[in-house]
Amino acid sequence: MTARILDGKALAAEVRTEVTQRVAALKARGVQPTLAVILVGDNPASQTYVRHKGSDCESVGMRFILDRFPADLSETALLARIAALNADPSVHGMLVQLPLPKHIDTHKVIAAISPDKDADGFHVQSAGALMIGLPGFKPCTPYGCMRMLQSAGVDPKGKHAVIVGRSNIVGKPMALMLLQANATVTVCHSATPELGAFTRQADILVAAVGRRNTITADLVKPGAAVIDVGMNQNEAGKLCGDVDFDAVREVAGWITPVPGGVGPMTRAMLLVNTVEAAERTAR
């Protein structure tokens, strides 16, 4: 058995088409959906991510605002800029590109963003809404993973989902979304003994640890849906995930590639969150 590839690029293109239509409908009502991004410092990866976000916005007809600041920007100045964007009614979604320089408190910065403009879905109010099942902005990566499962016809209801990784950005919200979809959820992490004892039970396996080849073929249940959130580099400097793709592909029922899997969907769901924020203000 060779797994079906869950093509994140193709699905992201579908999502962008949907968003383009929603943006056009808002523009017809005099609303220009707008995403503002703050970039502090010159981290090469962050610059690449931000450039892609700008291109994505342009492709769906959204306005994109990029505020670039040097790495020595004070925390006070950053919080002041966030406050100004919060107060600007023409800005619907906002995010501060992470990671931030060490002298800036990331939690304080995320907390300063208005929950109504929380395009990344990282604000504690967004997390709380997800926790208790209220409407709110969902973190883009797990949101994208859920859309990928849906597109593959993999219904989490009644299935055992195992998540490897417990970050606030992926692991924990992924667990909550799968619970809401009526899966039975297990979260594994660095202190989990005998990882395979859990992963081999998984109908849906999500790897989000940031370590290459964490998930090998012997850890995967035949026919499982394997979602690889990892973004690493191999010895040749090429992008790879947390899953041993070539080997696991021969065991799993569905698998996401890296690159071209979860990454494009993360960016696509940022657009969804932003257009939703604009729609809320236009009601």
C-alpha atoms as a PDB file:
ATOM      1  CA  MET A   1       0.000   0.000   0.000  1.00  0.00           C
ATOM      2  CA  THR A   2       1.256   3.461  -0.892  1.00  0.00           C
ATOM      3  CA  ALA A   3      -0.298   6.418   0.875  1.00  0.00           C
ATOM      4  CA  ARG A   4      -2.341   9.066  -0.884  1.00  0.00           C
ATOM      5  CA  ILE A   5      -0.519  12.391  -0.892  1.00  0.00           C
ATOM      6  CA  LEU A   6      -2.410  15.234   0.771  1.00  0.00           C
ATOM      7  CA  ASP A   7      -1.414  18.074  -1.554  1.00  0.00           C
ATOM      8  CA  GLY A   8      -1.313  21.261   0.513  1.00  0.00           C
ATOM      9  CA  LYS A   9      -0.454  23.434  -2.482  1.00  0.00           C
ATOM     10  CA  ALA A  10      -3.537  22.363  -4.434  1.00  0.00           C
ATOM     11  CA  LEU A  11      -5.850  22.680  -1.453  1.00  0.00           C
ATOM     12  CA  ALA A  12      -4.408  26.087  -0.530  1.00  0.00           C
ATOM     13  CA  ALA A  13      -5.169  27.261  -4.072  1.00  0.00           C
ATOM     14  CA  GLU A  14      -8.800  26.191  -3.553  1.00  0.00           C
ATOM     15  CA  VAL A  15      -8.936  28.087  -0.268  1.00  0.00           C
ATOM     16  CA  ARG A  16      -7.486  31.207  -1.909  1.00  0.00           C
ATOM     17  CA  THR A  17     -10.189  31.019  -4.581  1.00  0.00           C
ATOM     18  CA  GLU A  18     -12.851  30.944  -1.855  1.00  0.00           C
ATOM     19  CA  VAL A  19     -11.205  33.864  -0.053  1.00  0.00           C
ATOM     20  CA  THR A  20     -10.948  35.853  -3.295  1.00  0.00           C
ATOM     21  CA  GLN A  21     -14.720  35.597  -3.680  1.00  0.00           C
ATOM     22  CA  ARG A  22     -15.310  36.690  -0.088  1.00  0.00           C
ATOM     23  CA  VAL A  23     -12.912  39.627  -0.512  1.00  0.00           C
ATOM     24  CA  ALA A  24     -14.711  40.696  -3.680  1.00  0.00           C
ATOM     25  CA  ALA A  25     -18.065  40.600  -1.879  1.00  0.00           C
ATOM     26  CA  LEU A  26     -16.683  42.832   0.875  1.00  0.00           C
ATOM     27  CA  LYS A  27     -15.156  45.267  -1.615  1.00  0.00           C
ATOM     28  CA  ALA A  28     -18.562  45.547  -3.281  1.00  0.00           C
ATOM     29  CA  ARG A  29     -19.831  46.794   0.075  1.00  0.00           C
ATOM     30  CA  GLY A  30     -17.011  49.313   0.395  1.00  0.00           C
ATOM     31  CA  VAL A  31     -14.827  47.221   2.741  1.00  0.00           C
ATOM     32  CA  GLN A  32     -11.162  46.574   1.801  1.00  0.00           C
ATOM     33  CA  PRO A  33      -9.961  43.564   3.838  1.00  0.00           C
ATOM     34  CA  THR A  34      -6.543  44.417   5.265  1.00  0.00           C
ATOM     35  CA  LEU A  35      -3.804  42.443   7.017  1.00  0.00           C
ATOM     36  CA  ALA A  36      -1.036  44.287   8.897  1.00  0.00           C
ATOM     37  CA  VAL A  37       2.206  42.474   9.718  1.00  0.00           C
ATOM     38  CA  ILE A  38       4.933  43.760  12.024  1.00  0.00           C
ATOM     39  CA  LEU A  39       8.444  42.424  11.411  1.00  0.00           C
ATOM     40  CA  VAL A  40      11.155  43.178  13.969  1.00  0.00           C
ATOM     41  CA  GLY A  41      14.745  42.410  13.015  1.00  0.00           C
ATOM     42  CA  ASP A  42      16.254  40.702   9.975  1.00  0.00           C
ATOM     43  CA  ASN A  43      15.704  36.984  10.603  1.00  0.00           C
ATOM     44  CA  PRO A  44      16.007  35.488   7.074  1.00  0.00           C
ATOM     45  CA  ALA A  45      13.267  32.885   7.610  1.00  0.00           C
ATOM     46  CA  SER A  46      10.909  35.519   9.004  1.00  0.00           C
ATOM     47  CA  GLN A  47      11.584  37.772   6.017  1.00  0.00           C
ATOM     48  CA  THR A  48      10.728  34.907   3.670  1.00  0.00           C
ATOM     49  CA  TYR A  49       7.512  34.085   5.546  1.00  0.00           C
ATOM     50  CA  VAL A  50       6.430  37.719   5.513  1.00  0.00           C
ATOM     51  CA  ARG A  51       7.151  38.057   1.805  1.00  0.00           C
ATOM     52  CA  HIS A  52       4.951  35.020   1.121  1.00  0.00           C
ATOM     53  CA  LYS A  53       2.161  36.471   3.255  1.00  0.00           C
ATOM     54  CA  GLY A  54       2.276  39.681   1.266  1.00  0.00           C
ATOM     55  CA  SER A  55       2.090  37.766  -2.023  1.00  0.00           C
ATOM     56  CA  ASP A  56      -0.827  35.713  -0.717  1.00  0.00           C
ATOM     57  CA  CYS A  57      -2.752  38.842   0.241  1.00  0.00           C
ATOM     58  CA  GLU A  58      -2.121  40.392  -3.151  1.00  0.00           C
ATOM     59  CA  SER A  59      -3.324  37.213  -4.898  1.00  0.00           C
ATOM     60  CA  VAL A  60      -6.756  37.366  -3.211  1.00  0.00           C
ATOM     61  CA  GLY A  61      -7.216  41.134  -3.458  1.00  0.00           C
ATOM     62  CA  MET A  62      -6.427  41.987   0.161  1.00  0.00           C
ATOM     63  CA  ARG A  63      -4.468  45.055   1.214  1.00  0.00           C
ATOM     64  CA  PHE A  64      -1.192  44.178   2.947  1.00  0.00           C
ATOM     65  CA  ILE A  65       0.619  46.499   5.353  1.00  0.00           C
ATOM     66  CA  LEU A  66       4.169  45.618   6.392  1.00  0.00           C
ATOM     67  CA  ASP A  67       5.807  47.521   9.243  1.00  0.00           C
ATOM     68  CA  ARG A  68       9.535  46.721   9.402  1.00  0.00           C
ATOM     69  CA  PHE A  69      11.581  47.689  12.444  1.00  0.00           C
ATOM     70  CA  PRO A  70      15.228  47.126  13.430  1.00  0.00           C
ATOM     71  CA  ALA A  71      16.097  44.388  15.919  1.00  0.00           C
ATOM     72  CA  ASP A  72      16.859  46.959  18.638  1.00  0.00           C
ATOM     73  CA  LEU A  73      13.276  48.289  18.613  1.00  0.00           C
ATOM     74  CA  SER A  74      12.127  48.776  22.201  1.00  0.00           C
ATOM     75  CA  GLU A  75       9.252  46.733  23.571  1.00  0.00           C
ATOM     76  CA  THR A  76       7.474  49.987  24.431  1.00  0.00           C
ATOM     77  CA  ALA A  77       7.698  51.211  20.832  1.00  0.00           C
ATOM     78  CA  LEU A  78       6.412  47.880  19.515  1.00  0.00           C
ATOM     79  CA  LEU A  79       3.445  47.920  21.894  1.00  0.00           C
ATOM     80  CA  ALA A  80       2.684  51.502  20.814  1.00  0.00           C
ATOM     81  CA  ARG A  81       2.602  50.459  17.162  1.00  0.00           C
ATOM     82  CA  ILE A  82       0.287  47.542  17.988  1.00  0.00           C
ATOM     83  CA  ALA A  83      -2.017  49.947  19.844  1.00  0.00           C
ATOM     84  CA  ALA A  84      -2.135  52.216  16.788  1.00  0.00           C
ATOM     85  CA  LEU A  85      -3.075  49.308  14.509  1.00  0.00           C
ATOM     86  CA  ASN A  86      -5.694  48.162  17.024  1.00  0.00           C
ATOM     87  CA  ALA A  87      -7.269  51.614  16.819  1.00  0.00           C
ATOM     88  CA  ASP A  88      -7.202  51.756  13.003  1.00  0.00           C
ATOM     89  CA  PRO A  89     -10.628  50.657  11.704  1.00  0.00           C
ATOM     90  CA  SER A  90      -9.208  50.036   8.212  1.00  0.00           C
ATOM     91  CA  VAL A  91      -7.020  47.192   9.579  1.00  0.00           C
ATOM     92  CA  HIS A  92      -8.943  43.944  10.085  1.00  0.00           C
ATOM     93  CA  GLY A  93      -6.224  41.390  10.823  1.00  0.00           C
ATOM     94  CA  MET A  94      -2.854  41.821  12.480  1.00  0.00           C
ATOM     95  CA  LEU A  95       0.118  39.722  13.492  1.00  0.00           C
ATOM     96  CA  VAL A  96       3.634  40.199  14.807  1.00  0.00           C
ATOM     97  CA  GLN A  97       6.034  37.843  13.047  1.00  0.00           C
ATOM     98  CA  LEU A  98       7.752  35.463  15.478  1.00  0.00           C
ATOM     99  CA  PRO A  99      10.344  34.919  16.805  1.00  0.00           C
ATOM    100  CA  LEU A 100      11.001  38.300  18.375  1.00  0.00           C
ATOM    101  CA  PRO A 101      14.369  39.577  19.680  1.00  0.00           C
ATOM    102  CA  LYS A 102      15.142  38.310  23.177  1.00  0.00           C
ATOM    103  CA  HIS A 103      14.597  41.661  24.897  1.00  0.00           C
ATOM    104  CA  ILE A 104      10.911  41.667  23.898  1.00  0.00           C
ATOM    105  CA  ASP A 105       8.322  39.650  25.854  1.00  0.00           C
ATOM    106  CA  THR A 106       6.454  37.587  23.250  1.00  0.00           C
ATOM    107  CA  HIS A 107       3.506  36.874  25.568  1.00  0.00           C
ATOM    108  CA  LYS A 108       3.062  40.559  26.304  1.00  0.00           C
ATOM    109  CA  VAL A 109       3.139  41.382  22.586  1.00  0.00           C
ATOM    110  CA  ILE A 110       0.567  38.742  21.651  1.00  0.00           C
ATOM    111  CA  ALA A 111      -1.675  39.869  24.520  1.00  0.00           C
ATOM    112  CA  ALA A 112      -1.522  43.452  23.210  1.00  0.00           C
ATOM    113  CA  ILE A 113      -3.119  42.525  19.866  1.00  0.00           C
ATOM    114  CA  SER A 114      -6.875  43.081  19.798  1.00  0.00           C
ATOM    115  CA  PRO A 115      -8.668  39.687  19.908  1.00  0.00           C
ATOM    116  CA  ASP A 116     -10.880  41.054  17.106  1.00  0.00           C
ATOM    117  CA  LYS A 117      -7.806  41.347  14.853  1.00  0.00           C
ATOM    118  CA  ASP A 118      -5.928  38.227  15.995  1.00  0.00           C
ATOM    119  CA  ALA A 119      -5.168  36.786  12.557  1.00  0.00           C
ATOM    120  CA  ASP A 120      -2.689  34.214  13.923  1.00  0.00           C
ATOM    121  CA  GLY A 121      -5.165  32.936  16.525  1.00  0.00           C
ATOM    122  CA  PHE A 122      -2.528  33.149  19.280  1.00  0.00           C
ATOM    123  CA  HIS A 123      -4.258  35.541  21.717  1.00  0.00           C
ATOM    124  CA  VAL A 124      -5.292  34.018  25.045  1.00  0.00           C
ATOM    125  CA  GLN A 125      -8.903  34.995  24.287  1.00  0.00           C
ATOM    126  CA  SER A 126      -8.738  33.054  21.016  1.00  0.00           C
ATOM    127  CA  ALA A 127      -7.256  30.090  22.885  1.00  0.00           C
ATOM    128  CA  GLY A 128     -10.007  30.298  25.492  1.00  0.00           C
ATOM    129  CA  ALA A 129     -12.715  30.448  22.829  1.00  0.00           C
ATOM    130  CA  LEU A 130     -11.257  27.344  21.198  1.00  0.00           C
ATOM    131  CA  MET A 131     -11.077  25.608  24.572  1.00  0.00           C
ATOM    132  CA  ILE A 132     -14.793  26.008  25.314  1.00  0.00           C
ATOM    133  CA  GLY A 133     -16.093  25.873  21.758  1.00  0.00           C
ATOM    134  CA  LEU A 134     -16.999  29.528  21.211  1.00  0.00           C
ATOM    135  CA  PRO A 135     -16.432  31.359  17.897  1.00  0.00           C
ATOM    136  CA  GLY A 136     -12.931  32.783  17.597  1.00  0.00           C
ATOM    137  CA  PHE A 137      -9.838  32.811  15.436  1.00  0.00           C
ATOM    138  CA  LYS A 138      -8.111  29.437  15.217  1.00  0.00           C
ATOM    139  CA  PRO A 139      -4.331  29.042  15.006  1.00  0.00           C
ATOM    140  CA  CYS A 140      -3.575  28.723  11.318  1.00  0.00           C
ATOM    141  CA  THR A 141      -1.491  25.535  11.286  1.00  0.00           C
ATOM    142  CA  PRO A 142      -3.911  23.201  13.110  1.00  0.00           C
ATOM    143  CA  TYR A 143      -6.786  24.919  11.303  1.00  0.00           C
ATOM    144  CA  GLY A 144      -5.095  24.019   8.023  1.00  0.00           C
ATOM    145  CA  CYS A 145      -4.510  20.440   9.192  1.00  0.00           C
ATOM    146  CA  MET A 146      -8.221  20.038   9.912  1.00  0.00           C
ATOM    147  CA  ARG A 147      -9.073  21.352   6.455  1.00  0.00           C
ATOM    148  CA  MET A 148      -6.666  18.815   4.935  1.00  0.00           C
ATOM    149  CA  LEU A 149      -8.324  15.934   6.776  1.00  0.00           C
ATOM    150  CA  GLN A 150     -11.714  17.186   5.626  1.00  0.00           C
ATOM    151  CA  SER A 151     -10.540  17.382   2.009  1.00  0.00           C
ATOM    152  CA  ALA A 152      -9.311  13.785   2.196  1.00  0.00           C
ATOM    153  CA  GLY A 153     -12.644  12.593   3.568  1.00  0.00           C
ATOM    154  CA  VAL A 154     -11.037  11.586   6.871  1.00  0.00           C
ATOM    155  CA  ASP A 155     -13.716  12.174   9.523  1.00  0.00           C
ATOM    156  CA  PRO A 156     -12.099  12.286  13.000  1.00  0.00           C
ATOM    157  CA  LYS A 157     -15.341  11.139  14.672  1.00  0.00           C
ATOM    158  CA  GLY A 158     -14.753   7.928  16.588  1.00  0.00           C
ATOM    159  CA  LYS A 159     -11.114   7.731  15.541  1.00  0.00           C
ATOM    160  CA  HIS A 160      -8.029   7.744  17.751  1.00  0.00           C
ATOM    161  CA  ALA A 161      -5.910  10.807  17.015  1.00  0.00           C
ATOM    162  CA  VAL A 162      -2.374  10.990  18.386  1.00  0.00           C
ATOM    163  CA  ILE A 163      -0.439  14.255  18.397  1.00  0.00           C
ATOM    164  CA  VAL A 164       3.305  14.252  18.956  1.00  0.00           C
ATOM    165  CA  GLY A 165       4.167  17.689  20.333  1.00  0.00           C
ATOM    166  CA  ARG A 166       2.421  19.977  22.826  1.00  0.00           C
ATOM    167  CA  SER A 167       3.207  23.528  21.715  1.00  0.00           C
ATOM    168  CA  ASN A 168       0.703  26.344  22.184  1.00  0.00           C
ATOM    169  CA  ILE A 169       0.855  27.051  18.447  1.00  0.00           C
ATOM    170  CA  VAL A 170       0.209  23.527  17.117  1.00  0.00           C
ATOM    171  CA  GLY A 171       0.011  20.612  19.534  1.00  0.00           C
ATOM    172  CA  LYS A 172      -2.490  21.893  22.103  1.00  0.00           C
ATOM    173  CA  PRO A 173      -4.917  23.613  19.694  1.00  0.00           C
ATOM    174  CA  MET A 174      -4.708  20.598  17.364  1.00  0.00           C
ATOM    175  CA  ALA A 175      -5.837  18.402  20.242  1.00  0.00           C
ATOM    176  CA  LEU A 176      -8.771  20.705  20.976  1.00  0.00           C
ATOM    177  CA  MET A 177      -9.901  20.841  17.340  1.00  0.00           C
ATOM    178  CA  LEU A 178      -9.764  17.069  17.026  1.00  0.00           C
ATOM    179  CA  LEU A 179     -11.699  16.705  20.282  1.00  0.00           C
ATOM    180  CA  GLN A 180     -14.361  19.048  18.920  1.00  0.00           C
ATOM    181  CA  ALA A 181     -14.522  16.808  15.850  1.00  0.00           C
ATOM    182  CA  ASN A 182     -15.274  13.873  18.195  1.00  0.00           C
ATOM    183  CA  ALA A 183     -11.929  12.104  17.983  1.00  0.00           C
ATOM    184  CA  THR A 184     -10.383  10.377  20.978  1.00  0.00           C
ATOM    185  CA  VAL A 185      -7.151  12.310  21.456  1.00  0.00           C
ATOM    186  CA  THR A 186      -3.770  11.422  22.938  1.00  0.00           C
ATOM    187  CA  VAL A 187      -0.983  14.009  23.197  1.00  0.00           C
ATOM    188  CA  CYS A 188       2.594  12.700  23.335  1.00  0.00           C
ATOM    189  CA  HIS A 189       5.707  14.731  24.102  1.00  0.00           C
ATOM    190  CA  SER A 190       9.342  14.525  25.193  1.00  0.00           C
ATOM    191  CA  ALA A 191       8.448  12.847  28.495  1.00  0.00           C
ATOM    192  CA  THR A 192       6.233  10.175  26.906  1.00  0.00           C
ATOM    193  CA  PRO A 193       7.660   6.684  27.469  1.00  0.00           C
ATOM    194  CA  GLU A 194       7.566   4.292  24.493  1.00  0.00           C
ATOM    195  CA  LEU A 195       6.200   6.665  21.869  1.00  0.00           C
ATOM    196  CA  GLY A 196       5.355   3.811  19.525  1.00  0.00           C
ATOM    197  CA  ALA A 197       2.930   2.286  22.007  1.00  0.00           C
ATOM    198  CA  PHE A 198       0.719   5.308  21.360  1.00  0.00           C
ATOM    199  CA  THR A 199       1.468   6.188  17.735  1.00  0.00           C
ATOM    200  CA  ARG A 200       0.792   2.648  16.513  1.00  0.00           C
ATOM    201  CA  GLN A 201      -2.792   3.059  17.772  1.00  0.00           C
ATOM    202  CA  ALA A 202      -3.348   6.276  15.810  1.00  0.00           C
ATOM    203  CA  ASP A 203      -5.888   6.454  13.001  1.00  0.00           C
ATOM    204  CA  ILE A 204      -4.776  10.097  12.680  1.00  0.00           C
ATOM    205  CA  LEU A 205      -1.160  10.901  13.548  1.00  0.00           C
ATOM    206  CA  VAL A 206       0.049  14.506  13.735  1.00  0.00           C
ATOM    207  CA  ALA A 207       3.804  15.067  14.092  1.00  0.00           C
ATOM    208  CA  ALA A 208       4.745  18.517  15.400  1.00  0.00           C
ATOM    209  CA  VAL A 209       8.024  18.294  17.275  1.00  0.00           C
ATOM    210  CA  GLY A 210      10.568  19.918  14.936  1.00  0.00           C
ATOM    211  CA  ARG A 211      12.945  16.967  14.819  1.00  0.00           C
ATOM    212  CA  ARG A 212      13.717  15.068  11.641  1.00  0.00           C
ATOM    213  CA  ASN A 213      12.657  11.416  11.313  1.00  0.00           C
ATOM    214  CA  THR A 214      10.882  11.367  14.671  1.00  0.00           C
ATOM    215  CA  ILE A 215       8.150   9.275  13.063  1.00  0.00           C
ATOM    216  CA  THR A 216       9.488   6.164  11.345  1.00  0.00           C
ATOM    217  CA  ALA A 217       7.501   3.474   9.554  1.00  0.00           C
ATOM    218  CA  ASP A 218       7.476   1.130  12.554  1.00  0.00           C
ATOM    219  CA  LEU A 219       5.651   3.796  14.594  1.00  0.00           C
ATOM    220  CA  VAL A 220       2.711   4.073  12.187  1.00  0.00           C
ATOM    221  CA  LYS A 221      -0.523   2.093  12.069  1.00  0.00           C
ATOM    222  CA  PRO A 222      -1.227   0.747   8.562  1.00  0.00           C
ATOM    223  CA  GLY A 223      -3.720   2.988   6.791  1.00  0.00           C
ATOM    224  CA  ALA A 224      -3.332   5.933   9.178  1.00  0.00           C
ATOM    225  CA  ALA A 225      -3.618   9.553   8.093  1.00  0.00           C
ATOM    226  CA  VAL A 226      -0.217  11.118   8.835  1.00  0.00           C
ATOM    227  CA  ILE A 227       0.040  14.906   9.066  1.00  0.00           C
ATOM    228  CA  ASP A 228       3.613  16.214   9.162  1.00  0.00           C
ATOM    229  CA  VAL A 229       3.877  19.714  10.657  1.00  0.00           C
ATOM    230  CA  GLY A 230       7.659  19.620  11.028  1.00  0.00           C
ATOM    231  CA  MET A 231       9.960  21.964   9.121  1.00  0.00           C
ATOM    232  CA  ASN A 232      13.571  20.812   9.311  1.00  0.00           C
ATOM    233  CA  GLN A 233      16.614  20.420   7.060  1.00  0.00           C
ATOM    234  CA  ASN A 234      18.406  17.230   6.113  1.00  0.00           C
ATOM    235  CA  GLU A 235      22.155  16.786   5.610  1.00  0.00           C
ATOM    236  CA  ALA A 236      21.894  18.217   2.099  1.00  0.00           C
ATOM    237  CA  GLY A 237      20.148  21.316   3.408  1.00  0.00           C
ATOM    238  CA  LYS A 238      16.800  20.369   1.877  1.00  0.00           C
ATOM    239  CA  LEU A 239      13.524  20.934   3.699  1.00  0.00           C
ATOM    240  CA  CYS A 240      12.047  17.899   5.402  1.00  0.00           C
ATOM    241  CA  GLY A 241       9.517  17.187   8.126  1.00  0.00           C
ATOM    242  CA  ASP A 242       9.312  15.138  11.313  1.00  0.00           C
ATOM    243  CA  VAL A 243       8.223  12.039   9.371  1.00  0.00           C
ATOM    244  CA  ASP A 244      10.448   9.627   7.450  1.00  0.00           C
ATOM    245  CA  PHE A 245       8.366  10.302   4.343  1.00  0.00           C
ATOM    246  CA  ASP A 246       9.604   7.610   1.954  1.00  0.00           C
ATOM    247  CA  ALA A 247       9.293   4.791   4.486  1.00  0.00           C
ATOM    248  CA  VAL A 248       6.045   5.938   6.134  1.00  0.00           C
ATOM    249  CA  ARG A 249       4.424   6.463   2.741  1.00  0.00           C
ATOM    250  CA  GLU A 250       4.493   2.669   2.280  1.00  0.00           C
ATOM    251  CA  VAL A 251       2.489   2.137   5.492  1.00  0.00           C
ATOM    252  CA  ALA A 252       0.118   5.087   5.868  1.00  0.00           C
ATOM    253  CA  GLY A 253      -3.190   5.634   4.080  1.00  0.00           C
ATOM    254  CA  TRP A 254      -2.655   9.384   3.666  1.00  0.00           C
ATOM    255  CA  ILE A 255       0.441  11.513   4.177  1.00  0.00           C
ATOM    256  CA  THR A 256       1.445  15.167   3.819  1.00  0.00           C
ATOM    257  CA  PRO A 257       4.727  15.998   2.072  1.00  0.00           C
ATOM    258  CA  VAL A 258       7.296  18.551   3.260  1.00  0.00           C
ATOM    259  CA  PRO A 259       7.469  20.957   1.565  1.00  0.00           C
ATOM    260  CA  GLY A 260       4.082  21.313  -0.100  1.00  0.00           C
ATOM    261  CA  GLY A 261       1.867  19.963   2.659  1.00  0.00           C
ATOM    262  CA  VAL A 262       0.916  21.799   5.822  1.00  0.00           C
ATOM    263  CA  GLY A 263       2.974  24.951   5.060  1.00  0.00           C
ATOM    264  CA  PRO A 264       0.811  26.285   2.214  1.00  0.00           C
ATOM    265  CA  MET A 265      -2.314  25.550   4.261  1.00  0.00           C
ATOM    266  CA  THR A 266      -1.015  27.544   7.232  1.00  0.00           C
ATOM    267  CA  ARG A 267      -0.683  30.580   4.979  1.00  0.00           C
ATOM    268  CA  ALA A 268      -4.086  29.968   3.396  1.00  0.00           C
ATOM    269  CA  MET A 269      -5.854  29.859   6.758  1.00  0.00           C
ATOM    270  CA  LEU A 270      -4.264  33.189   7.700  1.00  0.00           C
ATOM    271  CA  LEU A 271      -6.191  34.640   4.771  1.00  0.00           C
ATOM    272  CA  VAL A 272      -9.365  32.927   6.006  1.00  0.00           C
ATOM    273  CA  ASN A 273      -8.956  34.427   9.481  1.00  0.00           C
ATOM    274  CA  THR A 274      -8.324  37.888   8.024  1.00  0.00           C
ATOM    275  CA  VAL A 275     -11.332  37.893   5.697  1.00  0.00           C
ATOM    276  CA  GLU A 276     -13.475  36.579   8.553  1.00  0.00           C
ATOM    277  CA  ALA A 277     -12.312  39.475  10.724  1.00  0.00           C
ATOM    278  CA  ALA A 278     -13.299  41.889   7.954  1.00  0.00           C
ATOM    279  CA  GLU A 279     -16.678  40.213   7.575  1.00  0.00           C
ATOM    280  CA  ARG A 280     -17.341  40.569  11.284  1.00  0.00           C
ATOM    281  CA  THR A 281     -16.768  44.318  11.145  1.00  0.00           C
ATOM    282  CA  ALA A 282     -18.978  44.639   8.076  1.00  0.00           C
ATOM    283  CA  ARG A 283     -22.029  42.995   9.641  1.00  0.00           C
END
